């Protein structure tokens, strides 16, 4: 794309220069932006901030927990490989399935994950003035 040199800066050819846009248009655009964005910013409020912080903390702790569990698994597998211990993985799998099977269907599936996710959000958002703001902040926290 062809650009114009402007005081040492290269600007795209179709990008208007500051002197070409009347100041009233810039002020009008900024006023419109603030007026349109303010309801959403107010919606986020404290609940949204708490949702964001909760999700961010959950991600951080989840990563640390994954490292600890992964290292423990590798250590146990090494000890099992060397013949020092015997691990009954079948029993572990049965107990884990029983613990994570929230709908008592006999298997861990997407329905169980949905129940776990909804229950977790219900616990975290109980009593907050704006649950929708919390959910929005939580989703943003998971993304970042």
Protein backbone atom coordinates (compact mmCIF):
# COMPACT_ATOMS: atom_id res chain seq x y z
CA UNK A 1 0.00 0.00 0.00
CA UNK A 2 1.32 3.41 -0.90
CA UNK A 3 1.93 5.76 1.99
CA UNK A 4 2.55 9.46 2.51
CA UNK A 5 5.49 10.80 4.45
CA UNK A 6 4.30 13.17 7.19
CA UNK A 7 6.91 14.55 9.56
CA UNK A 8 8.92 11.33 9.38
CA UNK A 9 5.85 9.05 9.82
CA UNK A 10 4.49 6.89 7.04
CA UNK A 11 0.68 7.00 6.86
CA UNK A 12 -1.55 4.90 4.59
CA UNK A 13 -2.67 6.87 1.53
CA UNK A 14 -6.40 6.72 2.43
CA UNK A 15 -5.83 7.67 6.08
CA UNK A 16 -6.97 11.28 6.55
CA UNK A 17 -4.46 13.67 8.04
CA UNK A 18 -5.41 15.46 11.27
CA UNK A 19 -5.72 18.82 9.49
CA UNK A 20 -8.24 17.32 7.02
CA UNK A 21 -10.82 16.36 9.71
CA UNK A 22 -12.68 19.21 11.41
CA UNK A 23 -12.20 19.25 15.17
CA UNK A 24 -15.99 19.26 15.70
CA UNK A 25 -16.23 15.88 13.92
CA UNK A 26 -13.56 14.37 16.18
CA UNK A 27 -15.27 15.72 19.31
CA UNK A 28 -18.65 14.50 18.08
CA UNK A 29 -17.22 11.04 17.39
CA UNK A 30 -15.62 10.86 20.86
CA UNK A 31 -18.85 12.02 22.53
CA UNK A 32 -20.78 9.36 20.64
CA UNK A 33 -18.24 6.70 21.61
CA UNK A 34 -18.45 7.60 25.31
CA UNK A 35 -22.27 7.78 25.23
CA UNK A 36 -22.56 4.38 23.55
CA UNK A 37 -19.87 2.63 25.60
CA UNK A 38 -20.88 3.92 29.05
CA UNK A 39 -23.89 1.60 29.57
CA UNK A 40 -21.69 -1.41 28.83
CA UNK A 41 -18.94 -0.19 31.13
CA UNK A 42 -21.50 0.38 33.89
CA UNK A 43 -22.92 -3.10 33.31
CA UNK A 44 -19.52 -4.65 33.92
CA UNK A 45 -19.06 -2.73 37.15
CA UNK A 46 -17.93 -4.58 40.25
CA UNK A 47 -19.55 -7.86 39.22
CA UNK A 48 -17.74 -7.87 35.88
CA UNK A 49 -14.43 -7.06 37.48
CA UNK A 50 -14.90 -9.87 40.01
CA UNK A 51 -15.84 -12.24 37.17
CA UNK A 52 -12.70 -11.31 35.24
CA UNK A 53 -10.47 -11.71 38.31
CA UNK A 54 -12.11 -15.05 39.22
CA UNK A 55 -11.57 -16.50 35.74
CA UNK A 56 -8.01 -15.21 35.55
CA UNK A 57 -7.23 -16.76 38.96
CA UNK A 58 -8.90 -20.02 37.92
CA UNK A 59 -6.73 -20.19 34.80
CA UNK A 60 -3.56 -19.43 36.74
CA UNK A 61 -4.27 -21.97 39.48
CA UNK A 62 -5.39 -24.50 36.86
CA UNK A 63 -2.06 -24.23 35.06
CA UNK A 64 -0.12 -24.66 38.29
CA UNK A 65 -2.29 -27.62 39.27
CA UNK A 66 -1.72 -29.21 35.85
CA UNK A 67 2.05 -28.96 36.37
CA UNK A 68 1.83 -30.56 39.83
CA UNK A 69 -0.47 -33.38 38.68
CA UNK A 70 1.64 -33.99 35.58
CA UNK A 71 4.85 -34.22 37.62
CA UNK A 72 3.19 -36.52 40.17
CA UNK A 73 1.94 -38.78 37.36
CA UNK A 74 5.38 -38.97 35.78
CA UNK A 75 6.96 -39.74 39.15
CA UNK A 76 4.46 -42.50 39.90
CA UNK A 77 4.88 -43.99 36.44
CA UNK A 78 8.67 -43.99 36.86
CA UNK A 79 8.39 -45.77 40.21
CA UNK A 80 5.98 -48.27 38.67
CA UNK A 81 8.32 -48.81 35.73
CA UNK A 82 11.19 -49.56 38.12
CA UNK A 83 9.00 -52.09 39.98
CA UNK A 84 9.01 -50.17 43.25
CA UNK A 85 5.25 -49.65 43.38
CA UNK A 86 2.13 -51.08 41.76
CA UNK A 87 -0.57 -48.70 40.59
CA UNK A 88 -4.10 -49.97 40.04
CA UNK A 89 -5.14 -47.62 37.22
CA UNK A 90 -8.48 -49.43 36.78
CA UNK A 91 -9.49 -48.57 40.35
CA UNK A 92 -8.30 -44.97 39.87
CA UNK A 93 -10.40 -44.65 36.73
CA UNK A 94 -13.54 -46.03 38.43
CA UNK A 95 -13.18 -43.71 41.43
CA UNK A 96 -12.51 -40.68 39.21
CA UNK A 97 -15.55 -41.46 37.03
CA UNK A 98 -17.76 -41.83 40.11
CA UNK A 99 -16.52 -38.49 41.45
CA UNK A 100 -17.04 -36.60 38.15
CA UNK A 101 -20.34 -38.23 37.07
CA UNK A 102 -22.71 -35.50 38.28
CA UNK A 103 -25.80 -36.73 36.42
CA UNK A 104 -25.28 -40.37 37.51
CA UNK A 105 -25.36 -41.65 33.92
CA UNK A 106 -22.45 -44.01 34.49
CA UNK A 107 -20.11 -42.04 32.26
CA UNK A 108 -18.41 -38.66 32.25
CA UNK A 109 -19.68 -36.68 29.27
CA UNK A 110 -20.53 -33.16 28.16
CA UNK A 111 -23.66 -33.12 30.34
CA UNK A 112 -21.48 -33.60 33.43
CA UNK A 113 -19.13 -30.82 32.37
CA UNK A 114 -22.08 -28.47 31.81
CA UNK A 115 -23.45 -29.26 35.27
CA UNK A 116 -20.03 -28.70 36.85
CA UNK A 117 -19.51 -25.42 34.95
CA UNK A 118 -22.98 -24.04 35.76
CA UNK A 119 -22.75 -25.03 39.39
CA UNK A 120 -19.34 -23.39 39.70
CA UNK A 121 -20.61 -20.14 38.17
CA UNK A 122 -23.69 -20.22 40.42
CA UNK A 123 -21.47 -20.53 43.50
CA UNK A 124 -19.16 -17.72 42.38
CA UNK A 125 -21.96 -15.32 41.37
CA UNK A 126 -24.37 -15.86 44.29
CA UNK A 127 -25.50 -12.59 45.82
CA UNK A 128 -23.80 -10.35 43.26
CA UNK A 129 -25.88 -7.38 42.07
CA UNK A 130 -25.28 -8.12 38.38
CA UNK A 131 -24.90 -11.79 37.46
CA UNK A 132 -24.81 -11.03 33.71
CA UNK A 133 -21.89 -8.65 34.27
CA UNK A 134 -20.12 -11.34 36.28
CA UNK A 135 -20.60 -13.89 33.48
CA UNK A 136 -19.33 -11.41 30.88
CA UNK A 137 -16.28 -10.58 33.01
CA UNK A 138 -15.69 -14.29 33.60
CA UNK A 139 -15.71 -15.02 29.87
CA UNK A 140 -13.31 -12.14 29.25
CA UNK A 141 -11.06 -13.41 32.03
CA UNK A 142 -10.92 -16.86 30.44
CA UNK A 143 -9.95 -15.28 27.13
CA UNK A 144 -7.13 -13.18 28.56
